[in-house]
Amino acid sequence: MVITAALLALALQGTPPMVRIELSPDCVARIDGQPLDDAEIVARARHWQADHRWIGLIGSVDTPYKCVGGLISRIQRAGFTGSIGFIAEPGPPGIVHLNIPSGRCAVEVNGKRTDLDEFAATAKTWSGTQPEIHLQASPEASFRCVDRVLNVLRESHLQRLGFVGNEQYVATGPEEPKP
């Protein structure tokens, strides 16, 4: 065990530090909080190549791939042939609007209609970020469908759920007991 640790220490001695590039969802690359334009990226990439550095791209899970792919392409066109690693950080918990329409059991996620199987797969990806779920059912949606959607959310370990629009049904719900 001591020999392994010593060999590892020797191997790491000459390893140059990582270049940490933060990439925002609006495709702005930053180092130490300072934005980089294309010319700066090209100039720095040439130095990183000469210094045998490696690059860590840090981005939100919400960063579009066009931002990542475009940055990698610019770095490679500058002559960088070293290693590029990726670190995807969870984005801030956002708001997900779920609507359950009437008719066949389906879910609209932020306006995009999907079936329950696809919705279940998508909901599982949200457990790390715990978005705020706003659930609204159409007046004619079946409670069976609402129950199935709630089960998907429960099985996905989502904890931030709010029902939206239920106040509109007060007049059509069961009569309140008279005193």
C-alpha atoms as a PDB file:
ATOM      1  CA  MET A   1       0.000   0.000   0.000  1.00  0.00           C
ATOM      2  CA  VAL A   2       2.836   2.419   0.815  1.00  0.00           C
ATOM      3  CA  ILE A   3       4.565   1.615  -2.477  1.00  0.00           C
ATOM      4  CA  THR A   4       1.368   2.353  -4.414  1.00  0.00           C
ATOM      5  CA  ALA A   5       0.925   5.703  -2.664  1.00  0.00           C
ATOM      6  CA  ALA A   6       4.559   6.632  -3.344  1.00  0.00           C
ATOM      7  CA  LEU A   7       4.243   5.744  -7.045  1.00  0.00           C
ATOM      8  CA  LEU A   8       1.048   7.747  -7.279  1.00  0.00           C
ATOM      9  CA  ALA A   9       2.735  10.742  -5.654  1.00  0.00           C
ATOM     10  CA  LEU A  10       5.626  10.514  -8.128  1.00  0.00           C
ATOM     11  CA  ALA A  11       3.240  10.257 -11.063  1.00  0.00           C
ATOM     12  CA  LEU A  12       1.298  13.307  -9.945  1.00  0.00           C
ATOM     13  CA  GLN A  13       4.327  15.524  -9.278  1.00  0.00           C
ATOM     14  CA  GLY A  14       4.725  16.691 -12.860  1.00  0.00           C
ATOM     15  CA  THR A  15       1.020  16.854 -13.708  1.00  0.00           C
ATOM     16  CA  PRO A  16       0.093  20.400 -14.729  1.00  0.00           C
ATOM     17  CA  PRO A  17      -3.043  21.825 -13.120  1.00  0.00           C
ATOM     18  CA  MET A  18      -6.387  21.698 -14.827  1.00  0.00           C
ATOM     19  CA  VAL A  19      -7.664  24.717 -16.743  1.00  0.00           C
ATOM     20  CA  ARG A  20     -11.169  25.245 -15.362  1.00  0.00           C
ATOM     21  CA  ILE A  21     -13.540  26.774 -17.920  1.00  0.00           C
ATOM     22  CA  GLU A  22     -17.055  27.534 -16.748  1.00  0.00           C
ATOM     23  CA  LEU A  23     -19.650  27.470 -19.499  1.00  0.00           C
ATOM     24  CA  SER A  24     -23.019  29.152 -18.968  1.00  0.00           C
ATOM     25  CA  PRO A  25     -26.343  28.138 -20.561  1.00  0.00           C
ATOM     26  CA  ASP A  26     -26.062  31.244 -22.779  1.00  0.00           C
ATOM     27  CA  CYS A  27     -22.729  29.943 -24.217  1.00  0.00           C
ATOM     28  CA  VAL A  28     -20.409  32.341 -22.370  1.00  0.00           C
ATOM     29  CA  ALA A  29     -17.074  30.760 -21.409  1.00  0.00           C
ATOM     30  CA  ARG A  30     -15.420  32.115 -18.252  1.00  0.00           C
ATOM     31  CA  ILE A  31     -12.200  31.561 -16.346  1.00  0.00           C
ATOM     32  CA  ASP A  32     -12.203  32.872 -12.781  1.00  0.00           C
ATOM     33  CA  GLY A  33     -15.481  34.630 -13.534  1.00  0.00           C
ATOM     34  CA  GLN A  34     -14.043  36.610 -16.459  1.00  0.00           C
ATOM     35  CA  PRO A  35     -15.749  36.088 -19.839  1.00  0.00           C
ATOM     36  CA  LEU A  36     -13.555  34.971 -22.750  1.00  0.00           C
ATOM     37  CA  ASP A  37     -14.131  35.968 -26.364  1.00  0.00           C
ATOM     38  CA  ASP A  38     -13.138  33.713 -29.279  1.00  0.00           C
ATOM     39  CA  ALA A  39      -9.718  35.363 -29.762  1.00  0.00           C
ATOM     40  CA  GLU A  40      -8.879  34.926 -26.071  1.00  0.00           C
ATOM     41  CA  ILE A  41      -9.948  31.256 -26.137  1.00  0.00           C
ATOM     42  CA  VAL A  42      -7.727  30.581 -29.166  1.00  0.00           C
ATOM     43  CA  ALA A  43      -4.716  32.381 -27.667  1.00  0.00           C
ATOM     44  CA  ARG A  44      -5.051  30.614 -24.315  1.00  0.00           C
ATOM     45  CA  ALA A  45      -5.623  27.197 -25.916  1.00  0.00           C
ATOM     46  CA  ARG A  46      -2.265  27.519 -27.689  1.00  0.00           C
ATOM     47  CA  HIS A  47      -0.543  28.186 -24.351  1.00  0.00           C
ATOM     48  CA  TRP A  48      -2.368  25.288 -22.688  1.00  0.00           C
ATOM     49  CA  GLN A  49      -1.124  22.996 -25.457  1.00  0.00           C
ATOM     50  CA  ALA A  50       2.464  24.208 -25.027  1.00  0.00           C
ATOM     51  CA  ASP A  51       2.226  23.768 -21.224  1.00  0.00           C
ATOM     52  CA  HIS A  52       0.658  20.267 -21.546  1.00  0.00           C
ATOM     53  CA  ARG A  53      -2.356  21.369 -19.523  1.00  0.00           C
ATOM     54  CA  TRP A  54      -5.701  19.635 -19.501  1.00  0.00           C
ATOM     55  CA  ILE A  55      -9.105  21.304 -19.593  1.00  0.00           C
ATOM     56  CA  GLY A  56     -12.131  20.818 -17.378  1.00  0.00           C
ATOM     57  CA  LEU A  57     -15.367  22.191 -18.840  1.00  0.00           C
ATOM     58  CA  ILE A  58     -17.794  23.005 -16.057  1.00  0.00           C
ATOM     59  CA  GLY A  59     -21.394  23.527 -17.055  1.00  0.00           C
ATOM     60  CA  SER A  60     -24.925  23.281 -15.808  1.00  0.00           C
ATOM     61  CA  VAL A  61     -26.966  20.283 -16.854  1.00  0.00           C
ATOM     62  CA  ASP A  62     -29.114  22.880 -18.640  1.00  0.00           C
ATOM     63  CA  THR A  63     -26.253  24.133 -20.836  1.00  0.00           C
ATOM     64  CA  PRO A  64     -27.156  23.406 -24.476  1.00  0.00           C
ATOM     65  CA  TYR A  65     -24.739  21.032 -26.167  1.00  0.00           C
ATOM     66  CA  LYS A  66     -24.170  23.575 -28.952  1.00  0.00           C
ATOM     67  CA  CYS A  67     -22.312  25.651 -26.340  1.00  0.00           C
ATOM     68  CA  VAL A  68     -20.125  22.708 -25.278  1.00  0.00           C
ATOM     69  CA  GLY A  69     -19.494  21.474 -28.827  1.00  0.00           C
ATOM     70  CA  GLY A  70     -18.710  24.976 -30.091  1.00  0.00           C
ATOM     71  CA  LEU A  71     -16.196  25.600 -27.315  1.00  0.00           C
ATOM     72  CA  ILE A  72     -14.473  22.249 -27.869  1.00  0.00           C
ATOM     73  CA  SER A  73     -14.277  22.956 -31.600  1.00  0.00           C
ATOM     74  CA  ARG A  74     -12.694  26.403 -31.033  1.00  0.00           C
ATOM     75  CA  ILE A  75     -10.147  24.924 -28.615  1.00  0.00           C
ATOM     76  CA  GLN A  76      -9.228  22.106 -30.998  1.00  0.00           C
ATOM     77  CA  ARG A  77      -8.952  24.451 -34.013  1.00  0.00           C
ATOM     78  CA  ALA A  78      -6.404  26.432 -31.979  1.00  0.00           C
ATOM     79  CA  GLY A  79      -4.220  23.320 -31.947  1.00  0.00           C
ATOM     80  CA  PHE A  80      -5.070  21.905 -28.525  1.00  0.00           C
ATOM     81  CA  THR A  81      -4.790  18.105 -28.565  1.00  0.00           C
ATOM     82  CA  GLY A  82      -4.751  17.466 -24.818  1.00  0.00           C
ATOM     83  CA  SER A  83      -7.456  16.027 -22.609  1.00  0.00           C
ATOM     84  CA  ILE A  84     -10.789  17.736 -22.100  1.00  0.00           C
ATOM     85  CA  GLY A  85     -12.992  16.602 -19.217  1.00  0.00           C
ATOM     86  CA  PHE A  86     -16.609  17.416 -18.480  1.00  0.00           C
ATOM     87  CA  ILE A  87     -18.246  18.236 -15.187  1.00  0.00           C
ATOM     88  CA  ALA A  88     -22.009  18.771 -15.302  1.00  0.00           C
ATOM     89  CA  GLU A  89     -23.362  20.547 -12.254  1.00  0.00           C
ATOM     90  CA  PRO A  90     -27.050  20.485 -11.426  1.00  0.00           C
ATOM     91  CA  GLY A  91     -28.798  23.650 -12.417  1.00  0.00           C
ATOM     92  CA  PRO A  92     -30.866  25.647  -9.997  1.00  0.00           C
ATOM     93  CA  PRO A  93     -34.167  24.065  -9.136  1.00  0.00           C
ATOM     94  CA  GLY A  94     -36.548  25.508 -11.642  1.00  0.00           C
ATOM     95  CA  ILE A  95     -40.268  25.311 -12.043  1.00  0.00           C
ATOM     96  CA  VAL A  96     -41.819  22.520 -14.072  1.00  0.00           C
ATOM     97  CA  HIS A  97     -45.393  23.059 -15.223  1.00  0.00           C
ATOM     98  CA  LEU A  98     -47.378  19.847 -15.534  1.00  0.00           C
ATOM     99  CA  ASN A  99     -50.810  19.834 -17.102  1.00  0.00           C
ATOM    100  CA  ILE A 100     -53.000  16.753 -17.279  1.00  0.00           C
ATOM    101  CA  PRO A 101     -55.339  17.168 -20.243  1.00  0.00           C
ATOM    102  CA  SER A 102     -58.736  15.564 -20.634  1.00  0.00           C
ATOM    103  CA  GLY A 103     -59.085  12.446 -22.747  1.00  0.00           C
ATOM    104  CA  ARG A 104     -56.370   9.817 -23.012  1.00  0.00           C
ATOM    105  CA  CYS A 105     -54.039   9.817 -19.998  1.00  0.00           C
ATOM    106  CA  ALA A 106     -51.029  11.969 -20.869  1.00  0.00           C
ATOM    107  CA  VAL A 107     -48.992  14.786 -19.355  1.00  0.00           C
ATOM    108  CA  GLU A 108     -47.926  18.118 -20.795  1.00  0.00           C
ATOM    109  CA  VAL A 109     -44.488  19.030 -19.430  1.00  0.00           C
ATOM    110  CA  ASN A 110     -43.895  22.768 -19.866  1.00  0.00           C
ATOM    111  CA  GLY A 111     -46.366  22.695 -22.753  1.00  0.00           C
ATOM    112  CA  LYS A 112     -44.981  19.591 -24.511  1.00  0.00           C
ATOM    113  CA  ARG A 113     -47.349  16.616 -24.559  1.00  0.00           C
ATOM    114  CA  THR A 114     -45.852  13.253 -23.586  1.00  0.00           C
ATOM    115  CA  ASP A 115     -47.107   9.819 -22.624  1.00  0.00           C
ATOM    116  CA  LEU A 116     -46.735   8.467 -19.089  1.00  0.00           C
ATOM    117  CA  ASP A 117     -43.762   6.212 -19.860  1.00  0.00           C
ATOM    118  CA  GLU A 118     -41.736   9.073 -21.314  1.00  0.00           C
ATOM    119  CA  PHE A 119     -42.856  11.317 -18.459  1.00  0.00           C
ATOM    120  CA  ALA A 120     -41.704   8.730 -15.880  1.00  0.00           C
ATOM    121  CA  ALA A 121     -38.245   8.572 -17.498  1.00  0.00           C
ATOM    122  CA  THR A 122     -38.018  12.371 -17.546  1.00  0.00           C
ATOM    123  CA  ALA A 123     -39.215  12.775 -13.944  1.00  0.00           C
ATOM    124  CA  LYS A 124     -36.464  10.454 -12.675  1.00  0.00           C
ATOM    125  CA  THR A 125     -33.858  12.851 -14.065  1.00  0.00           C
ATOM    126  CA  TRP A 126     -35.256  15.659 -11.893  1.00  0.00           C
ATOM    127  CA  SER A 127     -34.533  14.016  -8.533  1.00  0.00           C
ATOM    128  CA  GLY A 128     -31.058  15.588  -8.327  1.00  0.00           C
ATOM    129  CA  THR A 129     -32.270  19.151  -8.872  1.00  0.00           C
ATOM    130  CA  GLN A 130     -35.651  18.891  -7.113  1.00  0.00           C
ATOM    131  CA  PRO A 131     -37.546  21.401  -9.281  1.00  0.00           C
ATOM    132  CA  GLU A 132     -40.758  22.964  -8.058  1.00  0.00           C
ATOM    133  CA  ILE A 133     -43.595  21.041  -9.704  1.00  0.00           C
ATOM    134  CA  HIS A 134     -46.779  22.979 -10.538  1.00  0.00           C
ATOM    135  CA  LEU A 135     -49.485  20.414 -11.277  1.00  0.00           C
ATOM    136  CA  GLN A 136     -52.760  21.387 -12.902  1.00  0.00           C
ATOM    137  CA  ALA A 137     -55.385  18.998 -14.189  1.00  0.00           C
ATOM    138  CA  SER A 138     -57.948  19.806 -16.826  1.00  0.00           C
ATOM    139  CA  PRO A 139     -61.501  19.923 -15.381  1.00  0.00           C
ATOM    140  CA  GLU A 140     -62.367  16.773 -17.352  1.00  0.00           C
ATOM    141  CA  ALA A 141     -59.142  14.840 -16.660  1.00  0.00           C
ATOM    142  CA  SER A 142     -59.737  11.526 -14.928  1.00  0.00           C
ATOM    143  CA  PHE A 143     -58.614  11.204 -11.347  1.00  0.00           C
ATOM    144  CA  ARG A 144     -57.089   7.850 -12.341  1.00  0.00           C
ATOM    145  CA  CYS A 145     -54.693   9.735 -14.604  1.00  0.00           C
ATOM    146  CA  VAL A 146     -53.940  12.335 -11.911  1.00  0.00           C
ATOM    147  CA  ASP A 147     -53.213   9.487  -9.484  1.00  0.00           C
ATOM    148  CA  ARG A 148     -50.840   7.841 -11.974  1.00  0.00           C
ATOM    149  CA  VAL A 149     -48.946  11.120 -12.448  1.00  0.00           C
ATOM    150  CA  LEU A 150     -48.710  11.589  -8.670  1.00  0.00           C
ATOM    151  CA  ASN A 151     -47.327   8.046  -8.352  1.00  0.00           C
ATOM    152  CA  VAL A 152     -44.635   8.822 -10.940  1.00  0.00           C
ATOM    153  CA  LEU A 153     -43.649  11.933  -8.983  1.00  0.00           C
ATOM    154  CA  ARG A 154     -43.570   9.975  -5.707  1.00  0.00           C
ATOM    155  CA  GLU A 155     -41.505   7.144  -7.223  1.00  0.00           C
ATOM    156  CA  SER A 156     -39.089   9.742  -8.628  1.00  0.00           C
ATOM    157  CA  HIS A 157     -38.586  11.101  -5.083  1.00  0.00           C
ATOM    158  CA  LEU A 158     -39.705  14.590  -6.052  1.00  0.00           C
ATOM    159  CA  GLN A 159     -40.580  16.611  -2.980  1.00  0.00           C
ATOM    160  CA  ARG A 160     -41.656  20.069  -4.147  1.00  0.00           C
ATOM    161  CA  LEU A 161     -45.201  19.768  -5.492  1.00  0.00           C
ATOM    162  CA  GLY A 162     -47.971  22.321  -5.668  1.00  0.00           C
ATOM    163  CA  PHE A 163     -51.465  22.023  -7.111  1.00  0.00           C
ATOM    164  CA  VAL A 164     -52.401  24.925  -9.349  1.00  0.00           C
ATOM    165  CA  GLY A 165     -55.919  26.050 -10.216  1.00  0.00           C
ATOM    166  CA  ASN A 166     -57.932  23.945  -7.755  1.00  0.00           C
ATOM    167  CA  GLU A 167     -59.707  27.060  -6.513  1.00  0.00           C
ATOM    168  CA  GLN A 168     -61.714  27.173  -9.753  1.00  0.00           C
ATOM    169  CA  TYR A 169     -63.470  23.944  -8.775  1.00  0.00           C
ATOM    170  CA  VAL A 170     -64.878  25.140  -5.458  1.00  0.00           C
ATOM    171  CA  ALA A 171     -68.251  25.966  -6.991  1.00  0.00           C
ATOM    172  CA  THR A 172     -68.497  22.609  -8.775  1.00  0.00           C
ATOM    173  CA  GLY A 173     -67.271  20.383  -5.940  1.00  0.00           C
ATOM    174  CA  PRO A 174     -69.449  18.591  -3.403  1.00  0.00           C
ATOM    175  CA  GLU A 175     -71.660  20.769  -1.312  1.00  0.00           C
ATOM    176  CA  GLU A 176     -70.366  21.655   2.085  1.00  0.00           C
ATOM    177  CA  PRO A 177     -72.298  20.257   5.049  1.00  0.00           C
ATOM    178  CA  LYS A 178     -74.806  22.658   6.506  1.00  0.00           C
ATOM    179  CA  PRO A 179     -74.397  23.467  10.182  1.00  0.00           C
END
